[in-house]
Amino acid sequence: MPSKADVKAWKAQLVAQAEQQILKLTDSDRFKQYLRTCLDTLTFDLILVKLDQKQEFLIHEKLCTPL
């Protein structure tokens, strides 16, 4: 059975390896492109929501305005 010090060192090694892999992943060009795509998609979705809200407002204004 491993000692507490061995387990602690093993855990520290796993954490260090995970940190290195995460940094490697998040620094890659593919990940940056993925984030740009997500941002573009979110921006486009927000534009569509704003346009839809504007359209609903204009329809409501037209229906509620007396002739």
N, C-alpha and C. Protein backbone atom coordinates (compact mmCIF):
# COMPACT_ATOMS: atom_id res chain seq x y z
N MET A 1 0.85 -1.18 0.00
CA MET A 1 0.00 0.00 0.00
C MET A 1 0.89 1.25 0.00
N PRO A 2 0.59 2.20 -0.90
CA PRO A 2 1.43 3.40 -0.98
C PRO A 2 1.26 4.29 0.25
N SER A 3 2.32 4.99 0.56
CA SER A 3 2.27 5.89 1.71
C SER A 3 1.50 7.16 1.34
N LYS A 4 1.15 7.93 2.36
CA LYS A 4 0.43 9.18 2.12
C LYS A 4 1.26 10.14 1.28
N ALA A 5 2.56 10.14 1.49
CA ALA A 5 3.45 11.01 0.72
C ALA A 5 3.47 10.61 -0.74
N ASP A 6 3.45 9.28 -0.99
CA ASP A 6 3.42 8.79 -2.38
C ASP A 6 2.12 9.19 -3.07
N VAL A 7 1.02 9.05 -2.36
CA VAL A 7 -0.28 9.41 -2.92
C VAL A 7 -0.33 10.91 -3.20
N LYS A 8 0.19 11.70 -2.27
CA LYS A 8 0.20 13.15 -2.44
C LYS A 8 1.06 13.55 -3.64
N ALA A 9 2.20 12.92 -3.80
CA ALA A 9 3.09 13.21 -4.94
C ALA A 9 2.42 12.79 -6.24
N TRP A 10 1.75 11.66 -6.23
CA TRP A 10 1.05 11.16 -7.43
C TRP A 10 -0.06 12.13 -7.84
N LYS A 11 -0.82 12.61 -6.87
CA LYS A 11 -1.88 13.57 -7.14
C LYS A 11 -1.31 14.87 -7.69
N ALA A 12 -0.21 15.33 -7.11
CA ALA A 12 0.42 16.56 -7.58
C ALA A 12 0.91 16.40 -9.02
N GLN A 13 1.44 15.22 -9.34
CA GLN A 13 1.90 14.95 -10.70
C GLN A 13 0.71 14.94 -11.67
N LEU A 14 -0.39 14.33 -11.28
CA LEU A 14 -1.59 14.31 -12.13
C LEU A 14 -2.12 15.72 -12.38
N VAL A 15 -2.15 16.53 -11.34
CA VAL A 15 -2.63 17.90 -11.48
C VAL A 15 -1.71 18.70 -12.41
N ALA A 16 -0.41 18.53 -12.24
CA ALA A 16 0.55 19.24 -13.09
C ALA A 16 0.39 18.83 -14.55
N GLN A 17 0.21 17.52 -14.80
CA GLN A 17 0.02 17.05 -16.16
C GLN A 17 -1.28 17.59 -16.75
N ALA A 18 -2.34 17.60 -15.95
CA ALA A 18 -3.63 18.12 -16.42
C ALA A 18 -3.51 19.61 -16.76
N GLU A 19 -2.82 20.37 -15.92
CA GLU A 19 -2.63 21.80 -16.19
C GLU A 19 -1.88 22.02 -17.49
N GLN A 20 -0.84 21.22 -17.72
CA GLN A 20 -0.07 21.35 -18.96
C GLN A 20 -0.94 21.04 -20.17
N GLN A 21 -1.75 19.99 -20.08
CA GLN A 21 -2.61 19.62 -21.21
C GLN A 21 -3.67 20.68 -21.47
N ILE A 22 -4.22 21.25 -20.41
CA ILE A 22 -5.23 22.29 -20.56
C ILE A 22 -4.61 23.53 -21.21
N LEU A 23 -3.43 23.93 -20.75
CA LEU A 23 -2.75 25.08 -21.35
C LEU A 23 -2.42 24.81 -22.81
N LYS A 24 -1.99 23.60 -23.11
CA LYS A 24 -1.67 23.23 -24.48
C LYS A 24 -2.93 23.30 -25.36
N LEU A 25 -4.03 22.82 -24.84
CA LEU A 25 -5.29 22.83 -25.59
C LEU A 25 -5.79 24.25 -25.82
N THR A 26 -5.83 25.04 -24.76
CA THR A 26 -6.40 26.38 -24.87
C THR A 26 -5.51 27.35 -25.63
N ASP A 27 -4.26 26.97 -25.86
CA ASP A 27 -3.36 27.82 -26.62
C ASP A 27 -3.29 27.41 -28.09
N SER A 28 -4.03 26.38 -28.46
CA SER A 28 -3.97 25.90 -29.85
C SER A 28 -4.81 26.79 -30.77
N ASP A 29 -4.44 26.81 -32.03
CA ASP A 29 -5.18 27.61 -33.02
C ASP A 29 -6.59 27.08 -33.22
N ARG A 30 -6.77 25.77 -33.15
CA ARG A 30 -8.11 25.18 -33.34
C ARG A 30 -9.05 25.63 -32.23
N PHE A 31 -8.54 25.68 -30.99
CA PHE A 31 -9.39 26.10 -29.88
C PHE A 31 -9.75 27.58 -30.01
N LYS A 32 -8.79 28.38 -30.44
CA LYS A 32 -9.07 29.81 -30.64
C LYS A 32 -10.10 30.01 -31.75
N GLN A 33 -10.00 29.21 -32.81
CA GLN A 33 -10.99 29.27 -33.89
C GLN A 33 -12.37 28.84 -33.37
N TYR A 34 -12.39 27.81 -32.53
CA TYR A 34 -13.64 27.35 -31.92
C TYR A 34 -14.29 28.48 -31.11
N LEU A 35 -13.48 29.17 -30.31
CA LEU A 35 -14.02 30.28 -29.51
C LEU A 35 -14.54 31.41 -30.39
N ARG A 36 -13.82 31.70 -31.47
CA ARG A 36 -14.29 32.74 -32.40
C ARG A 36 -15.63 32.34 -33.02
N THR A 37 -15.74 31.06 -33.39
CA THR A 37 -16.99 30.57 -33.97
C THR A 37 -18.13 30.68 -32.97
N CYS A 38 -17.86 30.31 -31.72
CA CYS A 38 -18.89 30.44 -30.68
C CYS A 38 -19.31 31.89 -30.49
N LEU A 39 -18.34 32.78 -30.49
CA LEU A 39 -18.65 34.21 -30.33
C LEU A 39 -19.45 34.73 -31.51
N ASP A 40 -19.05 34.34 -32.72
CA ASP A 40 -19.79 34.77 -33.91
C ASP A 40 -21.22 34.26 -33.88
N THR A 41 -21.39 33.00 -33.49
CA THR A 41 -22.72 32.41 -33.42
C THR A 41 -23.57 33.11 -32.37
N LEU A 42 -22.98 33.37 -31.22
CA LEU A 42 -23.70 34.07 -30.16
C LEU A 42 -24.08 35.48 -30.61
N THR A 43 -23.15 36.17 -31.25
CA THR A 43 -23.43 37.52 -31.74
C THR A 43 -24.57 37.50 -32.75
N PHE A 44 -24.52 36.54 -33.68
CA PHE A 44 -25.57 36.42 -34.69
C PHE A 44 -26.91 36.13 -34.03
N ASP A 45 -26.92 35.23 -33.04
CA ASP A 45 -28.16 34.91 -32.32
C ASP A 45 -28.72 36.14 -31.61
N LEU A 46 -27.83 36.93 -31.00
CA LEU A 46 -28.29 38.15 -30.32
C LEU A 46 -28.87 39.15 -31.30
N ILE A 47 -28.27 39.26 -32.48
CA ILE A 47 -28.80 40.16 -33.51
C ILE A 47 -30.20 39.70 -33.92
N LEU A 48 -30.36 38.38 -34.10
CA LEU A 48 -31.68 37.86 -34.48
C LEU A 48 -32.72 38.13 -33.40
N VAL A 49 -32.34 37.98 -32.15
CA VAL A 49 -33.26 38.25 -31.04
C VAL A 49 -33.66 39.72 -31.04
N LYS A 50 -32.68 40.59 -31.22
CA LYS A 50 -32.99 42.03 -31.25
C LYS A 50 -33.91 42.38 -32.42
N LEU A 51 -33.65 41.79 -33.58
CA LEU A 51 -34.51 42.04 -34.73
C LEU A 51 -35.92 41.53 -34.49
N ASP A 52 -36.02 40.37 -33.87
CA ASP A 52 -37.33 39.81 -33.57
C ASP A 52 -38.08 40.71 -32.58
N GLN A 53 -37.38 41.19 -31.56
CA GLN A 53 -38.01 42.09 -30.59
C GLN A 53 -38.46 43.38 -31.26
N LYS A 54 -37.63 43.89 -32.13
CA LYS A 54 -37.98 45.13 -32.85
C LYS A 54 -39.21 44.91 -33.72
N GLN A 55 -39.24 43.76 -34.40
CA GLN A 55 -40.37 43.45 -35.27
C GLN A 55 -41.66 43.33 -34.44
N GLU A 56 -41.56 42.65 -33.30
CA GLU A 56 -42.74 42.52 -32.44
C GLU A 56 -43.20 43.89 -31.95
N PHE A 57 -42.26 44.76 -31.60
CA PHE A 57 -42.60 46.10 -31.16
C PHE A 57 -43.31 46.87 -32.26
N LEU A 58 -42.78 46.80 -33.48
CA LEU A 58 -43.39 47.52 -34.60
C LEU A 58 -44.79 47.00 -34.91
N ILE A 59 -44.95 45.69 -34.84
CA ILE A 59 -46.29 45.10 -35.08
C ILE A 59 -47.26 45.58 -34.01
N HIS A 60 -46.81 45.58 -32.76
CA HIS A 60 -47.65 46.02 -31.66
C HIS A 60 -48.02 47.50 -31.83
N GLU A 61 -47.04 48.32 -32.20
CA GLU A 61 -47.28 49.74 -32.43
C GLU A 61 -48.32 49.94 -33.53
N LYS A 62 -48.19 49.18 -34.60
CA LYS A 62 -49.10 49.33 -35.73
C LYS A 62 -50.53 48.91 -35.35
N LEU A 63 -50.63 47.83 -34.58
CA LEU A 63 -51.95 47.33 -34.18
C LEU A 63 -52.61 48.24 -33.16
N CYS A 64 -51.81 48.90 -32.34
CA CYS A 64 -52.38 49.70 -31.26
C CYS A 64 -52.55 51.19 -31.64
N THR A 65 -52.06 51.59 -32.78
CA THR A 65 -52.17 52.98 -33.19
C THR A 65 -53.54 53.20 -33.84
N PRO A 66 -54.27 54.17 -33.36
CA PRO A 66 -55.57 54.42 -33.98
C PRO A 66 -55.42 55.00 -35.38
N LEU A 67 -56.37 54.69 -36.21
CA LEU A 67 -56.33 55.17 -37.62
C LEU A 67 -56.75 56.61 -37.71
